[in-house]
Amino acid sequence: MKYIKFFCIVFCVLIFGGMLISNFNYFNSQTIALAQETQDNVFNDIDAYLADACKKAHFPAMSITIVDKENVLLSKTYGKCESTDIPFLLGSVSKSFTALCIMQLVEQGKIELDALISNYLSKSHTNNSITIRQLLNHTSGLDEHQNLENYKIVNKQGIHHYANVNYSLLGKIIEKISGFSYEDYVNENIFQPLTMTKSATTYEKAKENGLIETYNNWFGINTNTNPIFPKNEDAWITAPAGRISSSTADLGKYLQMYLNGGKGIITNESIHKMFYENVDVESNIPYKYGMGWTLINNPLPQSALRHAGLVETGMSTIYILPEREIGIAIAVNSNDYFVGKDMMDRIDWSIALMLMGEKPNQIGANEYVTRHLLYDFAYLVVFVISVLPICLISLFKKRIGKGKLWLKITLLALLHLALPIFILLLPQMFFATPLWVVQAFVPDMFFTMILSSCLLFIGGIAKIILLIINKTKKA
């Protein structure tokens, strides 16, 4: 009887336990399925959002790759782009590669972060005051528009002032210490180990890899434009500062390297330094710039690491979301400085927001056209002001004998000399941007400024000639 009771108890325990286990597996599988469904929904939503946003922003082509430590979570292209293996121009996203190279050399004991650059460069304009770390964090005091030929300290050191020349100098240091060209060093130590077969540091290699067609924007119309690559080492944007090309598929592998603690490319300790040994960008902006990465705490609900890139014919952005262990790479093949750039920022922010469970920024259906029409109207006003004096030259001729001569000369000087000079100096005066930068990044604005200034000068010369002829006749 005791044995019968014992076997009954064991039987009941087994049955009840089996039910519990089966229910646990059922609920667990339901939970996994629900989590997978939720994740799939997020990426479906991101895909739909980007397809719509790409059209509204009038990007000729867009590519995106989202990864976690092991998998590609989303790989999509929009517009005239057939594959995420097609390379785009990265712009300043290149700086993270240069910083990575520097940290490799630091790990090898060949470079010290707080050593002066004069220890590594035989020729330096500021031998005794700039350190490697200051170049990495843009706190060297160098100016935004300097290059390797003319750089000098003009800003307060220790304060963040973004300048391409910082990373151009780091590129020269990499070459000096490693004994390799920048191209060969990056290929051997980053591209090849990570099988980034569609990435390059030169135009020739980028073309060989199938570099996508690139565009600039003229008055709201995307115009096919050949990409600009540095012809010499004194260029404003060199390869280490912003001329690397890569596909978003390759960038996905690059981001997975960080997510996996370096994958033998670099140690996790060095990654932590790159991400978190940083400086404030501005006192009123909650961003911190590290070694090729910007740490962002607001307005995102979770922290993110980001770097954006912009060149004359392309834009890109990379993200790492540490809490989600996700990397994002997105690129477009056009530069529309006043409208498209803002839209690109809002779009890439939105991807991070959606992955964090937030709502994306929406691009208005007619926003692109409306905003460009406003800029085009402003250009038209400037053009009309400049061409009107020429159109009214006959009226000036009729009234040439009336009024005081000194007043006419004063008005001529203001309208046909001071105004065109003001137009040409406008970017420098209000935006601290040289005219040659405007030419490269906002060609329609540059064209309008030059044409309008020339027309005003010509109108002034014509009026001066008429005044001289009138005076001669009177004499």
Protein backbone atom coordinates (compact mmCIF):
# COMPACT_ATOMS: atom_id res chain seq x y z
CA MET A 1 0.00 0.00 0.00
CA LYS A 2 2.87 2.33 0.84
CA TYR A 3 4.44 1.64 -2.57
CA ILE A 4 1.15 2.33 -4.31
CA LYS A 5 0.86 5.72 -2.53
CA PHE A 6 4.47 6.52 -3.31
CA PHE A 7 4.06 5.78 -7.02
CA CYS A 8 0.83 7.82 -7.09
CA ILE A 9 2.60 10.80 -5.56
CA VAL A 10 5.52 10.49 -7.99
CA PHE A 11 3.08 10.13 -10.88
CA CYS A 12 1.17 13.28 -9.84
CA VAL A 13 4.37 15.24 -9.41
CA LEU A 14 5.59 14.21 -12.86
CA ILE A 15 2.26 15.07 -14.48
CA PHE A 16 1.94 18.41 -12.68
CA GLY A 17 5.59 19.26 -13.30
CA GLY A 18 5.24 18.38 -16.95
CA MET A 19 2.24 20.69 -17.19
CA LEU A 20 4.21 23.49 -15.54
CA ILE A 21 7.18 22.98 -17.88
CA SER A 22 4.99 22.80 -20.94
CA ASN A 23 3.12 25.95 -19.85
CA PHE A 24 6.42 27.68 -19.14
CA ASN A 25 7.70 26.75 -22.59
CA TYR A 26 4.42 27.87 -24.09
CA PHE A 27 4.52 31.25 -22.37
CA ASN A 28 8.24 31.58 -23.02
CA SER A 29 7.80 30.82 -26.71
CA GLN A 30 4.91 33.27 -26.78
CA THR A 31 7.12 35.93 -25.18
CA ILE A 32 9.95 35.28 -27.67
CA ALA A 33 7.52 35.34 -30.58
CA LEU A 34 5.98 38.58 -29.30
CA ALA A 35 9.42 40.18 -28.86
CA GLN A 36 10.41 39.05 -32.37
CA GLU A 37 7.14 40.38 -33.78
CA THR A 38 7.65 43.72 -32.01
CA GLN A 39 11.20 43.94 -33.34
CA ASP A 40 10.07 43.08 -36.87
CA ASN A 41 7.37 45.73 -36.62
CA VAL A 42 9.96 48.35 -35.66
CA PHE A 43 12.11 47.57 -38.69
CA ASN A 44 9.08 47.46 -40.95
CA ASP A 45 8.10 50.87 -39.60
CA ILE A 46 11.63 52.20 -40.15
CA ASP A 47 11.63 50.86 -43.70
CA ALA A 48 8.27 52.48 -44.48
CA TYR A 49 9.35 55.75 -42.85
CA LEU A 50 12.61 55.92 -44.86
CA ALA A 51 10.92 55.08 -48.16
CA ASP A 52 8.52 57.98 -47.60
CA ALA A 53 11.16 60.37 -46.21
CA CYS A 54 13.61 59.71 -49.05
CA LYS A 55 10.99 60.75 -51.60
CA LYS A 56 9.93 63.84 -49.66
CA ALA A 57 13.57 64.92 -49.16
CA HIS A 58 14.26 64.36 -52.89
CA PHE A 59 17.38 62.28 -52.21
CA PRO A 60 18.54 60.59 -55.44
CA ALA A 61 19.58 57.52 -53.44
CA MET A 62 19.76 56.38 -49.83
CA SER A 63 21.24 53.29 -48.20
CA ILE A 64 20.85 52.03 -44.63
CA THR A 65 22.20 49.12 -42.63
CA ILE A 66 21.24 48.40 -39.00
CA VAL A 67 23.13 45.74 -37.05
CA ASP A 68 23.43 44.19 -33.63
CA LYS A 69 26.49 42.26 -32.41
CA GLU A 70 25.97 39.32 -34.76
CA ASN A 71 23.19 40.05 -37.22
CA VAL A 72 22.09 42.50 -39.88
CA LEU A 73 18.70 43.70 -38.66
CA LEU A 74 17.84 45.93 -41.62
CA SER A 75 19.53 46.32 -45.00
CA LYS A 76 17.65 48.57 -47.42
CA THR A 77 18.17 51.02 -50.26
CA TYR A 78 15.87 53.72 -51.68
CA GLY A 79 15.91 55.69 -54.89
CA LYS A 80 18.53 54.81 -57.51
CA CYS A 81 20.61 52.41 -55.42
CA GLU A 82 20.48 48.69 -56.04
CA SER A 83 22.42 47.34 -53.07
CA THR A 84 23.78 48.26 -49.67
CA ASP A 85 27.16 47.11 -51.06
CA ILE A 86 27.36 50.25 -53.24
CA PRO A 87 29.80 52.77 -51.69
CA PHE A 88 28.93 56.37 -50.80
CA LEU A 89 31.12 59.29 -49.75
CA LEU A 90 31.27 59.43 -45.95
CA GLY A 91 32.57 62.92 -45.21
CA SER A 92 33.55 63.39 -41.57
CA VAL A 93 32.48 59.88 -40.62
CA SER A 94 36.04 59.22 -41.88
CA LYS A 95 37.34 60.81 -38.68
CA SER A 96 36.28 57.79 -36.59
CA PHE A 97 38.53 55.60 -38.77
CA THR A 98 41.46 57.95 -38.26
CA ALA A 99 40.87 58.01 -34.51
CA LEU A 100 40.77 54.21 -34.51
CA CYS A 101 44.14 54.08 -36.31
CA ILE A 102 45.65 56.44 -33.72
CA MET A 103 44.34 54.31 -30.85
CA GLN A 104 45.87 51.20 -32.44
CA LEU A 105 49.26 52.94 -32.45
CA VAL A 106 48.68 54.03 -28.85
CA GLU A 107 48.09 50.41 -27.88
CA GLN A 108 51.34 49.44 -29.60
CA GLY A 109 53.19 52.03 -27.52
CA LYS A 110 54.18 54.06 -30.58
CA ILE A 111 52.08 57.12 -29.68
CA GLU A 112 51.13 58.77 -26.39
CA LEU A 113 47.83 60.62 -26.26
CA ASP A 114 49.17 63.53 -24.24
CA ALA A 115 52.48 63.86 -26.10
CA LEU A 116 53.16 66.92 -28.26
CA ILE A 117 52.76 66.45 -31.98
CA SER A 118 56.30 67.78 -32.39
CA ASN A 119 57.45 64.39 -31.09
CA TYR A 120 56.08 62.78 -34.24
CA LEU A 121 56.14 65.44 -36.95
CA SER A 122 59.47 66.90 -38.03
CA LYS A 123 57.73 69.97 -39.42
CA SER A 124 54.96 71.60 -37.42
CA HIS A 125 53.78 75.20 -37.31
CA THR A 126 52.93 74.83 -33.62
CA ASN A 127 55.53 72.40 -32.35
CA ASN A 128 55.38 73.13 -28.66
CA SER A 129 51.73 73.40 -27.74
CA ILE A 130 49.41 70.84 -29.39
CA THR A 131 48.96 67.26 -28.19
CA ILE A 132 47.57 64.17 -29.93
CA ARG A 133 44.55 64.16 -27.63
CA GLN A 134 43.79 67.79 -28.51
CA LEU A 135 43.76 66.92 -32.21
CA LEU A 136 41.42 63.98 -31.55
CA ASN A 137 39.01 66.10 -29.50
CA HIS A 138 39.26 69.27 -31.63
CA THR A 139 40.65 71.27 -28.72
CA SER A 140 43.98 72.21 -30.36
CA GLY A 141 43.00 75.83 -31.02
CA LEU A 142 43.25 75.40 -34.79
CA ASP A 143 40.61 77.00 -37.01
CA GLU A 144 37.82 75.37 -38.99
CA HIS A 145 39.03 76.51 -42.41
CA GLN A 146 42.77 75.95 -42.07
CA ASN A 147 44.76 73.24 -43.83
CA LEU A 148 48.17 71.59 -43.53
CA GLU A 149 49.83 74.53 -45.27
CA ASN A 150 48.50 77.42 -43.19
CA TYR A 151 47.37 76.05 -39.82
CA LYS A 152 48.09 77.98 -36.65
CA ILE A 153 46.53 78.40 -33.22
CA VAL A 154 43.88 81.11 -33.31
CA ASN A 155 41.35 79.79 -30.76
CA LYS A 156 41.65 79.08 -27.05
CA GLN A 157 43.12 75.62 -26.52
CA GLY A 158 41.11 73.16 -24.47
CA ILE A 159 37.86 74.48 -25.95
CA HIS A 160 36.16 72.45 -28.69
CA HIS A 161 36.55 74.05 -32.15
CA TYR A 162 35.77 71.60 -34.92
CA ALA A 163 38.49 71.70 -37.60
CA ASN A 164 39.33 69.26 -40.40
CA VAL A 165 43.01 70.13 -40.13
CA ASN A 166 43.15 68.35 -36.75
CA TYR A 167 42.49 65.03 -38.46
CA SER A 168 44.63 65.88 -41.47
CA LEU A 169 47.52 66.21 -38.99
CA LEU A 170 46.58 62.90 -37.37
CA GLY A 171 46.73 61.31 -40.82
CA LYS A 172 50.29 62.61 -41.29
CA ILE A 173 51.24 61.27 -37.84
CA ILE A 174 49.85 57.82 -38.74
CA GLU A 175 52.00 57.82 -41.88
CA LYS A 176 55.09 59.01 -40.01
CA ILE A 177 54.85 56.48 -37.17
CA SER A 178 53.66 53.44 -39.13
CA GLY A 179 55.86 53.93 -42.19
CA PHE A 180 52.82 53.29 -44.42
CA SER A 181 50.70 55.66 -46.45
CA TYR A 182 47.34 56.44 -44.86
CA GLU A 183 45.65 54.38 -47.58
CA ASP A 184 47.81 51.30 -46.97
CA TYR A 185 47.57 51.54 -43.19
CA VAL A 186 43.75 51.71 -43.17
CA ASN A 187 43.48 48.92 -45.74
CA GLU A 188 45.78 46.58 -43.81
CA ASN A 189 44.59 47.33 -40.29
CA ILE A 190 40.85 48.03 -40.68
CA PHE A 191 39.35 47.30 -44.11
CA GLN A 192 40.93 43.90 -44.74
CA PRO A 193 40.52 42.39 -41.24
CA LEU A 194 36.84 43.41 -41.24
CA THR A 195 36.34 42.32 -44.91
CA MET A 196 35.22 45.83 -45.82
CA THR A 197 35.71 45.19 -49.54
CA LYS A 198 33.77 48.24 -50.73
CA SER A 199 35.67 50.81 -48.67
CA ALA A 200 38.47 53.08 -49.90
CA THR A 201 40.47 56.20 -49.13
CA THR A 202 41.15 57.29 -52.73
CA TYR A 203 38.96 58.27 -55.66
CA GLU A 204 40.54 55.67 -57.95
CA LYS A 205 39.75 52.82 -55.57
CA ALA A 206 36.28 54.23 -54.85
CA LYS A 207 35.49 54.20 -58.59
CA GLU A 208 36.81 50.66 -58.85
CA ASN A 209 34.47 49.68 -56.00
CA GLY A 210 31.50 51.14 -57.90
CA LEU A 211 31.10 54.52 -56.18
CA ILE A 212 27.52 55.72 -56.59
CA GLU A 213 26.72 58.73 -58.78
CA THR A 214 26.90 61.92 -56.76
CA TYR A 215 24.84 65.11 -56.85
CA ASN A 216 24.91 68.74 -55.80
CA ASN A 217 21.86 70.96 -55.54
CA TRP A 218 21.14 73.97 -57.77
CA PHE A 219 18.04 75.98 -56.90
CA GLY A 220 16.25 72.87 -55.60
CA ILE A 221 17.28 70.60 -58.47
CA ASN A 222 19.71 67.75 -57.84
CA THR A 223 22.44 68.00 -60.47
CA ASN A 224 24.86 65.18 -61.24
CA THR A 225 28.31 66.39 -60.11
CA ASN A 226 31.67 64.65 -60.03
CA PRO A 227 32.92 64.08 -56.48
CA ILE A 228 35.81 66.19 -55.23
CA PHE A 229 38.89 64.39 -53.93
CA PRO A 230 42.05 66.10 -52.64
CA LYS A 231 44.65 66.73 -55.32
CA ASN A 232 47.36 67.35 -52.73
CA GLU A 233 47.94 66.96 -49.02
CA ASP A 234 47.17 70.63 -48.37
CA ALA A 235 43.50 70.25 -49.29
CA TRP A 236 40.93 71.46 -46.79
CA ILE A 237 39.30 68.02 -46.54
CA THR A 238 41.86 65.22 -46.80
CA ALA A 239 41.18 61.46 -46.65
CA PRO A 240 41.80 61.21 -42.86
CA ALA A 241 39.42 64.13 -42.26
CA GLY A 242 36.60 63.28 -44.64
CA ARG A 243 37.30 61.52 -47.95
CA ILE A 244 36.76 57.85 -47.14
CA SER A 245 34.10 56.05 -49.18
CA SER A 246 32.23 52.99 -47.98
CA SER A 247 28.99 51.06 -48.35
CA THR A 248 26.53 50.87 -45.49
CA ALA A 249 27.00 47.08 -45.53
CA ASP A 250 30.71 47.64 -44.83
CA LEU A 251 29.87 50.22 -42.18
CA GLY A 252 27.66 47.62 -40.53
CA LYS A 253 30.72 45.38 -40.12
CA TYR A 254 32.66 48.35 -38.81
CA LEU A 255 30.01 49.10 -36.18
CA GLN A 256 29.79 45.42 -35.18
CA MET A 257 33.49 45.58 -34.40
CA TYR A 258 32.77 48.22 -31.76
CA LEU A 259 29.72 46.36 -30.45
CA ASN A 260 31.84 43.23 -29.97
CA GLY A 261 34.59 44.95 -28.01
CA GLY A 262 37.07 45.43 -30.84
CA LYS A 263 37.28 41.99 -32.51
CA GLY A 264 41.06 42.04 -32.32
CA ILE A 265 41.21 45.37 -34.16
CA ILE A 266 41.36 47.31 -30.91
CA THR A 267 40.79 46.62 -27.22
CA ASN A 268 37.57 47.36 -25.40
CA GLU A 269 39.52 49.70 -23.10
CA SER A 270 40.56 51.84 -26.07
CA ILE A 271 36.99 51.86 -27.38
CA HIS A 272 35.85 53.16 -24.00
CA LYS A 273 38.42 55.96 -24.24
CA MET A 274 37.25 56.89 -27.74
CA PHE A 275 33.63 57.05 -26.61
CA TYR A 276 33.84 58.58 -23.16
CA GLU A 277 37.11 60.52 -22.70
CA ASN A 278 35.50 63.55 -24.31
CA VAL A 279 34.95 67.30 -24.03
CA ASP A 280 31.90 69.55 -24.13
CA VAL A 281 30.99 70.75 -27.61
CA GLU A 282 29.29 73.90 -26.34
CA SER A 283 28.16 74.89 -22.88
CA ASN A 284 24.50 75.09 -23.93
CA ILE A 285 24.48 71.89 -26.02
CA PRO A 286 24.37 68.49 -24.25
CA TYR A 287 26.88 66.88 -26.64
CA LYS A 288 30.40 65.73 -25.87
CA TYR A 289 33.02 65.11 -28.55
CA GLY A 290 35.43 62.25 -28.03
CA MET A 291 37.92 60.64 -30.39
CA GLY A 292 35.97 60.55 -33.64
CA TRP A 293 32.60 60.16 -31.87
CA THR A 294 30.00 62.46 -30.34
CA LEU A 295 28.25 61.33 -27.15
CA ILE A 296 24.64 62.50 -27.09
CA ASN A 297 22.38 62.38 -24.05
CA ASN A 298 19.56 64.67 -25.23
CA PRO A 299 17.07 64.89 -26.90
CA LEU A 300 17.18 61.09 -27.22
CA PRO A 301 15.64 59.15 -24.29
CA GLN A 302 18.81 57.01 -24.13
CA SER A 303 22.44 57.90 -24.76
CA ALA A 304 23.86 57.46 -28.24
CA LEU A 305 27.20 57.76 -29.99
CA ARG A 306 27.05 59.49 -33.35
CA HIS A 307 29.11 61.09 -36.08
CA ALA A 308 27.72 62.76 -39.18
CA GLY A 309 29.54 63.50 -42.41
CA LEU A 310 29.03 66.04 -45.19
CA VAL A 311 31.01 66.64 -48.37
CA GLU A 312 30.18 68.54 -51.53
CA THR A 313 28.23 65.61 -53.00
CA GLY A 314 27.16 63.37 -50.16
CA MET A 315 26.04 62.94 -46.55
CA SER A 316 26.28 60.09 -44.06
CA THR A 317 25.71 59.27 -40.38
CA ILE A 318 26.72 56.43 -38.08
CA TYR A 319 25.24 55.63 -34.67
CA ILE A 320 25.96 53.25 -31.85
CA LEU A 321 23.18 52.79 -29.29
CA PRO A 322 25.04 51.29 -26.30
CA GLU A 323 21.99 50.33 -24.25
CA ARG A 324 20.39 48.60 -27.23
CA GLU A 325 23.69 47.21 -28.58
CA ILE A 326 22.71 48.37 -32.06
CA GLY A 327 24.64 50.15 -34.80
CA ILE A 328 23.14 52.28 -37.58
CA ALA A 329 24.76 53.42 -40.84
CA ILE A 330 22.92 55.64 -43.32
CA ALA A 331 24.17 57.49 -46.42
CA VAL A 332 22.79 59.59 -49.29
CA ASN A 333 24.50 60.64 -52.51
CA SER A 334 23.70 64.35 -52.59
CA ASN A 335 24.45 67.58 -50.77
CA ASP A 336 21.61 70.04 -50.40
CA TYR A 337 23.10 72.27 -47.76
CA PHE A 338 20.17 74.45 -46.69
CA VAL A 339 17.29 71.98 -47.02
CA GLY A 340 18.48 68.40 -47.55
CA LYS A 341 21.08 68.57 -44.78
CA ASP A 342 18.44 69.53 -42.22
CA MET A 343 16.16 66.77 -43.49
CA MET A 344 18.99 64.23 -43.32
CA ASP A 345 19.61 65.16 -39.68
CA ARG A 346 15.93 64.74 -38.84
CA ILE A 347 15.74 61.43 -40.68
CA ASP A 348 18.78 59.82 -39.05
CA TRP A 349 17.66 61.08 -35.62
CA SER A 350 14.31 59.45 -36.30
CA ILE A 351 15.84 56.02 -36.83
CA ALA A 352 17.44 56.18 -33.39
CA LEU A 353 14.18 57.49 -31.90
CA MET A 354 12.13 54.67 -33.41
CA LEU A 355 14.56 52.04 -32.10
CA MET A 356 14.08 53.58 -28.65
CA GLY A 357 10.30 53.38 -28.93
CA GLU A 358 9.75 57.04 -29.78
CA LYS A 359 7.95 58.69 -32.69
CA PRO A 360 9.98 59.86 -35.71
CA ASN A 361 10.30 63.39 -37.08
CA GLN A 362 8.04 63.76 -40.06
CA ILE A 363 9.06 65.42 -43.33
CA GLY A 364 6.25 67.55 -44.76
CA ALA A 365 4.79 66.52 -48.12
CA ASN A 366 5.62 69.86 -49.78
CA GLU A 367 8.33 70.98 -47.37
CA TYR A 368 11.21 70.46 -49.79
CA VAL A 369 9.61 72.49 -52.57
CA THR A 370 8.33 75.23 -50.25
CA ARG A 371 11.67 75.78 -48.54
CA HIS A 372 13.59 75.82 -51.79
CA LEU A 373 11.11 78.30 -53.28
CA LEU A 374 11.82 80.64 -50.36
CA TYR A 375 15.57 80.42 -50.98
CA ASP A 376 15.07 80.82 -54.72
CA PHE A 377 12.92 83.89 -54.10
CA ALA A 378 15.71 85.41 -51.98
CA TYR A 379 18.20 84.70 -54.78
CA LEU A 380 15.81 86.27 -57.29
CA VAL A 381 15.45 89.43 -55.19
CA VAL A 382 19.24 89.83 -55.05
CA PHE A 383 19.47 89.25 -58.80
CA VAL A 384 16.69 91.77 -59.59
CA ILE A 385 18.34 94.41 -57.40
CA SER A 386 21.59 93.90 -59.29
CA VAL A 387 20.16 93.87 -62.80
CA LEU A 388 17.61 96.69 -62.33
CA PRO A 389 20.17 99.55 -62.56
CA ILE A 390 21.28 98.21 -65.96
CA CYS A 391 17.67 97.95 -67.15
CA LEU A 392 17.09 101.56 -66.04
CA ILE A 393 20.29 102.92 -67.58
CA SER A 394 18.30 104.92 -70.17
CA LEU A 395 16.41 106.68 -67.36
CA PHE A 396 19.74 107.50 -65.68
CA LYS A 397 20.96 108.91 -68.99
CA LYS A 398 17.94 111.22 -69.28
CA ARG A 399 18.42 112.57 -65.76
CA ILE A 400 22.18 112.76 -65.90
CA GLY A 401 22.22 116.55 -66.00
CA LYS A 402 19.92 116.98 -63.05
CA GLY A 403 20.93 117.04 -59.39
CA LYS A 404 24.24 117.54 -57.68
CA LEU A 405 27.28 115.64 -58.93
CA TRP A 406 28.59 114.71 -55.47
CA LEU A 407 25.24 113.13 -54.59
CA LYS A 408 25.28 111.06 -57.78
CA ILE A 409 28.82 109.86 -57.08
CA THR A 410 27.87 108.94 -53.50
CA LEU A 411 24.85 106.93 -54.66
CA LEU A 412 26.97 105.26 -57.33
CA ALA A 413 29.57 104.26 -54.76
CA LEU A 414 26.95 102.84 -52.39
CA LEU A 415 24.94 100.94 -54.99
CA HIS A 416 27.66 99.74 -57.34
CA LEU A 417 30.69 99.38 -55.08
CA ALA A 418 29.65 98.99 -51.43
CA LEU A 419 26.63 96.74 -52.13
CA PRO A 420 28.48 94.14 -54.28
CA ILE A 421 31.35 94.03 -51.79
CA PHE A 422 28.81 93.52 -48.99
CA ILE A 423 27.20 90.68 -50.96
CA LEU A 424 30.57 88.95 -51.44
CA LEU A 425 31.54 89.36 -47.79
CA LEU A 426 28.14 88.30 -46.43
CA PRO A 427 29.05 84.63 -45.67
CA GLN A 428 32.28 85.63 -43.93
CA MET A 429 30.69 88.45 -41.92
CA PHE A 430 27.64 86.59 -40.64
CA PHE A 431 28.59 82.90 -40.81
CA ALA A 432 32.41 82.97 -40.63
CA THR A 433 32.43 81.01 -43.89
CA PRO A 434 34.87 81.86 -46.71
CA LEU A 435 33.54 82.30 -50.21
CA TRP A 436 35.39 79.22 -51.49
CA VAL A 437 33.46 77.06 -49.03
CA VAL A 438 30.19 78.55 -50.30
CA GLN A 439 31.28 77.74 -53.85
CA ALA A 440 31.86 74.09 -52.96
CA PHE A 441 28.86 73.44 -50.72
CA VAL A 442 26.17 75.92 -51.87
CA PRO A 443 26.93 76.47 -55.58
CA ASP A 444 23.60 78.13 -56.42
CA MET A 445 24.14 80.74 -53.71
CA PHE A 446 27.72 81.31 -54.89
CA PHE A 447 26.57 81.70 -58.50
CA THR A 448 23.89 84.22 -57.48
CA MET A 449 26.36 86.23 -55.40
CA ILE A 450 29.01 86.39 -58.12
CA LEU A 451 26.56 87.16 -60.92
CA SER A 452 24.78 89.87 -58.91
CA SER A 453 28.03 91.51 -57.83
CA CYS A 454 29.35 91.52 -61.39
CA LEU A 455 26.13 93.05 -62.71
CA LEU A 456 26.26 95.79 -60.07
CA PHE A 457 29.90 96.55 -60.94
CA ILE A 458 29.07 96.65 -64.66
CA GLY A 459 26.11 98.96 -64.05
CA GLY A 460 28.34 101.26 -62.02
CA ILE A 461 31.02 101.37 -64.71
CA ALA A 462 28.38 102.16 -67.36
CA LYS A 463 27.03 105.04 -65.26
CA ILE A 464 30.53 106.43 -64.62
CA ILE A 465 31.21 106.40 -68.37
CA LEU A 466 27.97 108.26 -69.00
CA LEU A 467 28.89 110.86 -66.34
CA ILE A 468 32.32 111.37 -67.93
CA ILE A 469 30.81 111.74 -71.41
CA ASN A 470 28.25 114.23 -70.11
CA LYS A 471 30.92 116.26 -68.34
CA THR A 472 33.11 116.24 -71.45
CA LYS A 473 30.25 117.53 -73.58
CA LYS A 474 29.59 120.32 -71.13
CA ALA A 475 33.26 121.27 -71.09
